[in-house]
Amino acid sequence: MPNGGKMPEQPKKSRSLIPLYIVITLFYIVIAFQGSENSVLLESVSEESDFQVNLTKDITYKFWIDNPNGPEKVNVTISKDSYIALQNTFVLTQPRKSYLPENPEFTVKESGVYHVHAKPLNSGTVYMEIEELEVKNHND
């Protein structure tokens, strides 16, 4: 054999990159979703799921949804009784690998417990967070 009896290492090299890819993906997920002190919901969703969250009137919230390897589309509704605070189908964009609409902000008309319904329309796992935006003190 031309290379001293050794087998070519090309296929082995590509397989050895799989654990590295997994580690990088997990690192990205942990960094992206460490959960700030302003986080009121932080969940991983891979199938149709329901959560409850306490939201307060006159507070602005930001909805985060992320995972570059997640489902192509995810339906999300945040509601209380018949009132809908946020309802959207988030679509994964391929070039940027992010979901659109990107991190929408919303408020609620009354304080209380809200129902969060998430339904991935394709296979995959997505990470969702509702973050309370910091209120700036206008008396400074």
C-alpha atoms as a PDB file:
ATOM      1  CA  MET A   1       0.000   0.000   0.000  1.00  0.00           C
ATOM      2  CA  PRO A   2       1.326   3.441  -0.890  1.00  0.00           C
ATOM      3  CA  ASN A   3       0.910   5.019   2.568  1.00  0.00           C
ATOM      4  CA  GLY A   4       2.605   2.285   4.613  1.00  0.00           C
ATOM      5  CA  GLY A   5      -0.446   0.038   4.971  1.00  0.00           C
ATOM      6  CA  LYS A   6      -2.621   2.633   6.677  1.00  0.00           C
ATOM      7  CA  MET A   7      -6.233   3.184   5.751  1.00  0.00           C
ATOM      8  CA  PRO A   8      -7.197   6.628   4.466  1.00  0.00           C
ATOM      9  CA  GLU A   9      -8.339   8.856   7.341  1.00  0.00           C
ATOM     10  CA  GLN A  10     -10.699  11.160   5.451  1.00  0.00           C
ATOM     11  CA  PRO A  11     -13.998   9.435   6.490  1.00  0.00           C
ATOM     12  CA  LYS A  12     -12.778   9.121  10.077  1.00  0.00           C
ATOM     13  CA  LYS A  13     -11.894  12.830  10.201  1.00  0.00           C
ATOM     14  CA  SER A  14     -15.411  13.963   9.172  1.00  0.00           C
ATOM     15  CA  ARG A  15     -17.010  11.697  11.799  1.00  0.00           C
ATOM     16  CA  SER A  16     -14.731  13.108  14.479  1.00  0.00           C
ATOM     17  CA  LEU A  17     -16.184  16.583  13.848  1.00  0.00           C
ATOM     18  CA  ILE A  18     -19.680  15.514  14.959  1.00  0.00           C
ATOM     19  CA  PRO A  19     -18.922  15.758  18.730  1.00  0.00           C
ATOM     20  CA  LEU A  20     -17.347  19.167  18.136  1.00  0.00           C
ATOM     21  CA  TYR A  21     -20.494  20.340  16.346  1.00  0.00           C
ATOM     22  CA  ILE A  22     -22.650  19.097  19.238  1.00  0.00           C
ATOM     23  CA  VAL A  23     -20.478  20.891  21.811  1.00  0.00           C
ATOM     24  CA  ILE A  24     -20.584  24.150  19.849  1.00  0.00           C
ATOM     25  CA  THR A  25     -24.383  23.907  19.492  1.00  0.00           C
ATOM     26  CA  LEU A  26     -24.849  23.241  23.226  1.00  0.00           C
ATOM     27  CA  PHE A  27     -22.532  26.128  24.091  1.00  0.00           C
ATOM     28  CA  TYR A  28     -24.534  28.444  21.829  1.00  0.00           C
ATOM     29  CA  ILE A  29     -27.799  27.354  23.455  1.00  0.00           C
ATOM     30  CA  VAL A  30     -26.477  27.867  26.989  1.00  0.00           C
ATOM     31  CA  ILE A  31     -25.076  31.313  26.188  1.00  0.00           C
ATOM     32  CA  ALA A  32     -28.183  32.415  24.292  1.00  0.00           C
ATOM     33  CA  PHE A  33     -30.569  31.278  26.997  1.00  0.00           C
ATOM     34  CA  GLN A  34     -28.885  31.673  30.338  1.00  0.00           C
ATOM     35  CA  GLY A  35     -31.990  33.465  31.469  1.00  0.00           C
ATOM     36  CA  SER A  36     -31.544  36.983  32.663  1.00  0.00           C
ATOM     37  CA  GLU A  37     -32.958  38.182  35.950  1.00  0.00           C
ATOM     38  CA  ASN A  38     -35.727  39.776  33.860  1.00  0.00           C
ATOM     39  CA  SER A  39     -36.784  36.449  32.350  1.00  0.00           C
ATOM     40  CA  VAL A  40     -40.372  35.460  33.177  1.00  0.00           C
ATOM     41  CA  LEU A  41     -40.447  32.347  30.951  1.00  0.00           C
ATOM     42  CA  LEU A  42     -37.655  30.156  29.609  1.00  0.00           C
ATOM     43  CA  GLU A  43     -38.690  26.885  27.964  1.00  0.00           C
ATOM     44  CA  SER A  44     -37.520  24.324  25.443  1.00  0.00           C
ATOM     45  CA  VAL A  45     -40.279  23.164  23.076  1.00  0.00           C
ATOM     46  CA  SER A  46     -40.194  20.208  20.679  1.00  0.00           C
ATOM     47  CA  GLU A  47     -43.911  19.427  20.532  1.00  0.00           C
ATOM     48  CA  GLU A  48     -47.172  21.276  21.096  1.00  0.00           C
ATOM     49  CA  SER A  49     -46.882  22.750  24.601  1.00  0.00           C
ATOM     50  CA  ASP A  50     -48.706  25.004  27.052  1.00  0.00           C
ATOM     51  CA  PHE A  51     -47.275  27.162  29.839  1.00  0.00           C
ATOM     52  CA  GLN A  52     -48.559  29.734  32.302  1.00  0.00           C
ATOM     53  CA  VAL A  53     -46.787  32.979  33.057  1.00  0.00           C
ATOM     54  CA  ASN A  54     -47.544  36.005  35.249  1.00  0.00           C
ATOM     55  CA  LEU A  55     -47.483  39.226  33.247  1.00  0.00           C
ATOM     56  CA  THR A  56     -47.999  42.779  34.490  1.00  0.00           C
ATOM     57  CA  LYS A  57     -49.898  45.651  32.890  1.00  0.00           C
ATOM     58  CA  ASP A  58     -47.811  48.604  31.645  1.00  0.00           C
ATOM     59  CA  ILE A  59     -44.646  46.484  31.399  1.00  0.00           C
ATOM     60  CA  THR A  60     -43.097  45.886  27.988  1.00  0.00           C
ATOM     61  CA  TYR A  61     -42.027  42.322  27.282  1.00  0.00           C
ATOM     62  CA  LYS A  62     -39.810  40.916  24.548  1.00  0.00           C
ATOM     63  CA  PHE A  63     -40.420  37.449  23.121  1.00  0.00           C
ATOM     64  CA  TRP A  64     -37.305  35.516  22.107  1.00  0.00           C
ATOM     65  CA  ILE A  65     -37.359  32.354  20.026  1.00  0.00           C
ATOM     66  CA  ASP A  66     -34.168  30.671  18.926  1.00  0.00           C
ATOM     67  CA  ASN A  67     -32.397  27.574  17.662  1.00  0.00           C
ATOM     68  CA  PRO A  68     -30.732  27.517  14.270  1.00  0.00           C
ATOM     69  CA  ASN A  69     -31.543  23.798  13.961  1.00  0.00           C
ATOM     70  CA  GLY A  70     -35.132  24.140  15.145  1.00  0.00           C
ATOM     71  CA  PRO A  71     -38.396  23.682  13.271  1.00  0.00           C
ATOM     72  CA  GLU A  72     -39.042  25.787  10.171  1.00  0.00           C
ATOM     73  CA  LYS A  73     -42.227  27.289  11.658  1.00  0.00           C
ATOM     74  CA  VAL A  74     -43.638  27.698  15.164  1.00  0.00           C
ATOM     75  CA  ASN A  75     -47.088  29.039  16.077  1.00  0.00           C
ATOM     76  CA  VAL A  76     -47.110  30.991  19.361  1.00  0.00           C
ATOM     77  CA  THR A  77     -50.066  32.527  21.182  1.00  0.00           C
ATOM     78  CA  ILE A  78     -49.972  34.399  24.495  1.00  0.00           C
ATOM     79  CA  SER A  79     -53.479  34.976  25.818  1.00  0.00           C
ATOM     80  CA  LYS A  80     -55.697  35.476  28.834  1.00  0.00           C
ATOM     81  CA  ASP A  81     -59.268  34.283  28.365  1.00  0.00           C
ATOM     82  CA  SER A  82     -60.340  35.740  24.984  1.00  0.00           C
ATOM     83  CA  TYR A  83     -57.707  38.521  25.008  1.00  0.00           C
ATOM     84  CA  ILE A  84     -54.660  37.783  22.803  1.00  0.00           C
ATOM     85  CA  ALA A  85     -51.487  39.678  23.743  1.00  0.00           C
ATOM     86  CA  LEU A  86     -49.271  38.060  21.089  1.00  0.00           C
ATOM     87  CA  GLN A  87     -50.072  35.682  18.248  1.00  0.00           C
ATOM     88  CA  ASN A  88     -47.685  34.866  15.452  1.00  0.00           C
ATOM     89  CA  THR A  89     -46.174  32.178  13.273  1.00  0.00           C
ATOM     90  CA  PHE A  90     -42.412  32.447  13.584  1.00  0.00           C
ATOM     91  CA  VAL A  91     -40.539  31.388  10.442  1.00  0.00           C
ATOM     92  CA  LEU A  92     -36.894  30.282  10.432  1.00  0.00           C
ATOM     93  CA  THR A  93     -34.863  32.197   7.844  1.00  0.00           C
ATOM     94  CA  GLN A  94     -32.134  30.172   6.196  1.00  0.00           C
ATOM     95  CA  PRO A  95     -29.433  32.764   5.463  1.00  0.00           C
ATOM     96  CA  ARG A  96     -29.380  34.244   8.994  1.00  0.00           C
ATOM     97  CA  LYS A  97     -30.717  31.179  10.803  1.00  0.00           C
ATOM     98  CA  SER A  98     -33.041  33.299  12.938  1.00  0.00           C
ATOM     99  CA  TYR A  99     -36.793  33.474  13.362  1.00  0.00           C
ATOM    100  CA  LEU A 100     -38.960  36.229  11.920  1.00  0.00           C
ATOM    101  CA  PRO A 101     -40.572  38.326  13.233  1.00  0.00           C
ATOM    102  CA  GLU A 102     -37.444  38.878  15.279  1.00  0.00           C
ATOM    103  CA  ASN A 103     -37.968  39.327  19.033  1.00  0.00           C
ATOM    104  CA  PRO A 104     -41.309  41.176  19.006  1.00  0.00           C
ATOM    105  CA  GLU A 105     -42.193  43.386  21.949  1.00  0.00           C
ATOM    106  CA  PHE A 106     -45.642  43.348  23.523  1.00  0.00           C
ATOM    107  CA  THR A 107     -47.624  44.624  26.502  1.00  0.00           C
ATOM    108  CA  VAL A 108     -50.725  43.281  28.227  1.00  0.00           C
ATOM    109  CA  LYS A 109     -53.915  45.179  29.036  1.00  0.00           C
ATOM    110  CA  GLU A 110     -54.274  43.679  32.519  1.00  0.00           C
ATOM    111  CA  SER A 111     -52.031  41.947  35.040  1.00  0.00           C
ATOM    112  CA  GLY A 112     -52.491  38.258  35.698  1.00  0.00           C
ATOM    113  CA  VAL A 113     -51.745  34.723  34.600  1.00  0.00           C
ATOM    114  CA  TYR A 114     -51.409  34.315  30.833  1.00  0.00           C
ATOM    115  CA  HIS A 115     -51.500  31.137  28.791  1.00  0.00           C
ATOM    116  CA  VAL A 116     -48.585  30.540  26.402  1.00  0.00           C
ATOM    117  CA  HIS A 117     -49.316  28.033  23.628  1.00  0.00           C
ATOM    118  CA  ALA A 118     -46.478  26.928  21.330  1.00  0.00           C
ATOM    119  CA  LYS A 119     -46.836  24.538  18.420  1.00  0.00           C
ATOM    120  CA  PRO A 120     -43.848  23.643  16.235  1.00  0.00           C
ATOM    121  CA  LEU A 121     -45.126  22.913  12.723  1.00  0.00           C
ATOM    122  CA  ASN A 122     -42.082  20.776  11.852  1.00  0.00           C
ATOM    123  CA  SER A 123     -39.756  18.523  13.833  1.00  0.00           C
ATOM    124  CA  GLY A 124     -37.041  20.090  15.960  1.00  0.00           C
ATOM    125  CA  THR A 125     -36.584  21.881  19.265  1.00  0.00           C
ATOM    126  CA  VAL A 126     -36.945  25.603  19.802  1.00  0.00           C
ATOM    127  CA  TYR A 127     -36.055  27.713  22.833  1.00  0.00           C
ATOM    128  CA  MET A 128     -38.489  30.402  23.955  1.00  0.00           C
ATOM    129  CA  GLU A 129     -38.029  33.212  26.437  1.00  0.00           C
ATOM    130  CA  ILE A 130     -40.232  36.058  27.589  1.00  0.00           C
ATOM    131  CA  GLU A 131     -38.127  38.848  29.020  1.00  0.00           C
ATOM    132  CA  GLU A 132     -39.351  41.857  30.944  1.00  0.00           C
ATOM    133  CA  LEU A 133     -37.620  44.884  29.490  1.00  0.00           C
ATOM    134  CA  GLU A 134     -35.969  47.147  31.986  1.00  0.00           C
ATOM    135  CA  VAL A 135     -38.041  50.194  32.797  1.00  0.00           C
ATOM    136  CA  LYS A 136     -36.037  53.384  32.519  1.00  0.00           C
ATOM    137  CA  ASN A 137     -36.575  55.861  35.321  1.00  0.00           C
ATOM    138  CA  HIS A 138     -37.713  59.131  33.746  1.00  0.00           C
ATOM    139  CA  ASN A 139     -37.023  61.078  36.991  1.00  0.00           C
ATOM    140  CA  ASP A 140     -33.220  60.957  36.565  1.00  0.00           C
END
